[in-house]
Amino acid sequence: MKAKDLLTAIQVDSAGELKQLSSYQFVFIKEGEQETNHLAAKIEADKIIVQKNSAESLRLNGFINLLNEAKEAEIYIEEELVFGYRLVERGIILG
């Protein structure tokens, strides 16, 4: 999934029925049966790479800023390409 596609999807959700998007704070990934937001994201060449990071939580605001910075970049979790996301109570889960 390209950064610009995720930005568009989030924008559509925030304008539609899910007007509470501003209350969502974190980006999560699946970690076994659980979800974790202890993540870091960085831009490398034409990729946005999300990696586990025990020291900090990845905030949605910061992630959106990164997506805006590299709109043509593909999004990866470690080395796996991200194909979508879903909304959860406190944020979004990349998958």
C-alpha atoms as a PDB file:
ATOM      1  CA  MET A   1       0.000   0.000   0.000  1.00  0.00           C
ATOM      2  CA  LYS A   2       1.327   3.426  -0.905  1.00  0.00           C
ATOM      3  CA  ALA A   3       1.375   6.191   1.681  1.00  0.00           C
ATOM      4  CA  LYS A   4      -0.935   8.386  -0.420  1.00  0.00           C
ATOM      5  CA  ASP A   5      -3.526   5.571  -0.586  1.00  0.00           C
ATOM      6  CA  LEU A   6      -3.523   5.172   3.192  1.00  0.00           C
ATOM      7  CA  LEU A   7      -3.819   8.946   3.626  1.00  0.00           C
ATOM      8  CA  THR A   8      -6.833   9.005   1.289  1.00  0.00           C
ATOM      9  CA  ALA A   9      -8.499   6.097   3.117  1.00  0.00           C
ATOM     10  CA  ILE A  10      -7.987   7.771   6.503  1.00  0.00           C
ATOM     11  CA  GLN A  11      -9.363  11.033   5.130  1.00  0.00           C
ATOM     12  CA  VAL A  12     -12.479   9.274   3.787  1.00  0.00           C
ATOM     13  CA  ASP A  13     -13.033   7.569   7.150  1.00  0.00           C
ATOM     14  CA  SER A  14     -12.683  10.859   9.013  1.00  0.00           C
ATOM     15  CA  ALA A  15     -15.241  12.530   6.740  1.00  0.00           C
ATOM     16  CA  GLY A  16     -17.710   9.626   6.821  1.00  0.00           C
ATOM     17  CA  GLU A  17     -19.458   7.853   9.639  1.00  0.00           C
ATOM     18  CA  LEU A  18     -16.265   7.590  11.677  1.00  0.00           C
ATOM     19  CA  LYS A  19     -16.055  11.228  12.683  1.00  0.00           C
ATOM     20  CA  GLN A  20     -14.274  10.238  15.891  1.00  0.00           C
ATOM     21  CA  LEU A  21     -11.017   9.697  14.007  1.00  0.00           C
ATOM     22  CA  SER A  22      -9.486  12.654  15.840  1.00  0.00           C
ATOM     23  CA  SER A  23      -9.771  10.639  19.073  1.00  0.00           C
ATOM     24  CA  TYR A  24      -7.609   7.857  17.607  1.00  0.00           C
ATOM     25  CA  GLN A  25      -4.078   8.199  18.861  1.00  0.00           C
ATOM     26  CA  PHE A  26      -1.908   5.214  17.978  1.00  0.00           C
ATOM     27  CA  VAL A  27      -0.747   2.951  15.163  1.00  0.00           C
ATOM     28  CA  PHE A  28      -0.807  -0.774  15.976  1.00  0.00           C
ATOM     29  CA  ILE A  29       0.365  -3.986  14.345  1.00  0.00           C
ATOM     30  CA  LYS A  30      -0.544  -7.577  15.176  1.00  0.00           C
ATOM     31  CA  GLU A  31       1.949  -9.367  17.375  1.00  0.00           C
ATOM     32  CA  GLY A  32       0.715 -12.936  17.583  1.00  0.00           C
ATOM     33  CA  GLU A  33      -2.786 -12.805  19.048  1.00  0.00           C
ATOM     34  CA  GLN A  34      -2.154  -9.365  20.562  1.00  0.00           C
ATOM     35  CA  GLU A  35      -1.669  -5.889  19.137  1.00  0.00           C
ATOM     36  CA  THR A  36       1.221  -3.581  19.910  1.00  0.00           C
ATOM     37  CA  ASN A  37       1.784   0.115  19.397  1.00  0.00           C
ATOM     38  CA  HIS A  38       5.404  -0.021  20.564  1.00  0.00           C
ATOM     39  CA  LEU A  39       6.637   0.903  17.115  1.00  0.00           C
ATOM     40  CA  ALA A  40       8.889   3.270  15.240  1.00  0.00           C
ATOM     41  CA  ALA A  41       8.566   4.343  11.609  1.00  0.00           C
ATOM     42  CA  LYS A  42      11.186   5.704   9.241  1.00  0.00           C
ATOM     43  CA  ILE A  43      11.628   6.507   5.575  1.00  0.00           C
ATOM     44  CA  GLU A  44      14.243   4.495   3.683  1.00  0.00           C
ATOM     45  CA  ALA A  45      14.556   5.205  -0.041  1.00  0.00           C
ATOM     46  CA  ASP A  46      11.063   4.577  -1.453  1.00  0.00           C
ATOM     47  CA  LYS A  47       9.744   2.754   1.627  1.00  0.00           C
ATOM     48  CA  ILE A  48       8.175   3.643   4.942  1.00  0.00           C
ATOM     49  CA  ILE A  49       9.254   0.945   7.368  1.00  0.00           C
ATOM     50  CA  VAL A  50       7.392   0.302  10.609  1.00  0.00           C
ATOM     51  CA  GLN A  51       9.383  -1.689  13.164  1.00  0.00           C
ATOM     52  CA  LYS A  52       8.853  -2.865  16.723  1.00  0.00           C
ATOM     53  CA  ASN A  53      10.403  -0.532  19.280  1.00  0.00           C
ATOM     54  CA  SER A  54      10.027  -1.201  22.999  1.00  0.00           C
ATOM     55  CA  ALA A  55      10.952   2.356  23.940  1.00  0.00           C
ATOM     56  CA  GLU A  56       8.104   4.316  22.348  1.00  0.00           C
ATOM     57  CA  SER A  57       4.587   4.156  20.967  1.00  0.00           C
ATOM     58  CA  LEU A  58       3.889   5.224  17.396  1.00  0.00           C
ATOM     59  CA  ARG A  59       1.373   8.057  17.449  1.00  0.00           C
ATOM     60  CA  LEU A  60      -1.044   8.455  14.561  1.00  0.00           C
ATOM     61  CA  ASN A  61      -0.215  12.177  14.171  1.00  0.00           C
ATOM     62  CA  GLY A  62       3.480  11.458  13.666  1.00  0.00           C
ATOM     63  CA  PHE A  63       2.723   8.582  11.306  1.00  0.00           C
ATOM     64  CA  ILE A  64       0.447  10.796   9.177  1.00  0.00           C
ATOM     65  CA  ASN A  65       3.224  13.412   8.996  1.00  0.00           C
ATOM     66  CA  LEU A  66       5.578  10.687   7.745  1.00  0.00           C
ATOM     67  CA  LEU A  67       3.005   9.540   5.169  1.00  0.00           C
ATOM     68  CA  ASN A  68       2.671  13.124   3.921  1.00  0.00           C
ATOM     69  CA  GLU A  69       6.435  13.431   3.632  1.00  0.00           C
ATOM     70  CA  ALA A  70       6.773  10.329   1.434  1.00  0.00           C
ATOM     71  CA  LYS A  71       3.427   9.980  -0.366  1.00  0.00           C
ATOM     72  CA  GLU A  72       4.761   7.709  -3.123  1.00  0.00           C
ATOM     73  CA  ALA A  73       6.484   5.334  -0.699  1.00  0.00           C
ATOM     74  CA  GLU A  74       5.210   1.815  -0.053  1.00  0.00           C
ATOM     75  CA  ILE A  75       4.480   0.982   3.590  1.00  0.00           C
ATOM     76  CA  TYR A  76       6.119  -2.057   5.175  1.00  0.00           C
ATOM     77  CA  ILE A  77       5.956  -3.745   8.576  1.00  0.00           C
ATOM     78  CA  GLU A  78       9.527  -4.927   8.929  1.00  0.00           C
ATOM     79  CA  GLU A  79       9.862  -6.581   5.472  1.00  0.00           C
ATOM     80  CA  GLU A  80       6.155  -7.292   4.799  1.00  0.00           C
ATOM     81  CA  LEU A  81       4.182  -5.006   2.526  1.00  0.00           C
ATOM     82  CA  VAL A  82       1.101  -3.458   4.166  1.00  0.00           C
ATOM     83  CA  PHE A  83      -2.125  -4.064   2.236  1.00  0.00           C
ATOM     84  CA  GLY A  84      -4.603  -2.192   4.417  1.00  0.00           C
ATOM     85  CA  TYR A  85      -5.684  -1.088   7.839  1.00  0.00           C
ATOM     86  CA  ARG A  86      -8.649  -1.184  10.133  1.00  0.00           C
ATOM     87  CA  LEU A  87      -9.850   1.131  12.832  1.00  0.00           C
ATOM     88  CA  VAL A  88      -9.851   0.080  16.461  1.00  0.00           C
ATOM     89  CA  GLU A  89     -10.874   1.889  19.622  1.00  0.00           C
ATOM     90  CA  ARG A  90      -7.613   3.817  20.128  1.00  0.00           C
ATOM     91  CA  GLY A  91      -6.150   3.959  16.616  1.00  0.00           C
ATOM     92  CA  ILE A  92      -5.480   1.997  13.454  1.00  0.00           C
ATOM     93  CA  ILE A  93      -4.048  -1.481  12.910  1.00  0.00           C
ATOM     94  CA  LEU A  94      -1.826  -1.895   9.873  1.00  0.00           C
ATOM     95  CA  GLY A  95      -2.026  -5.232   8.141  1.00  0.00           C
END
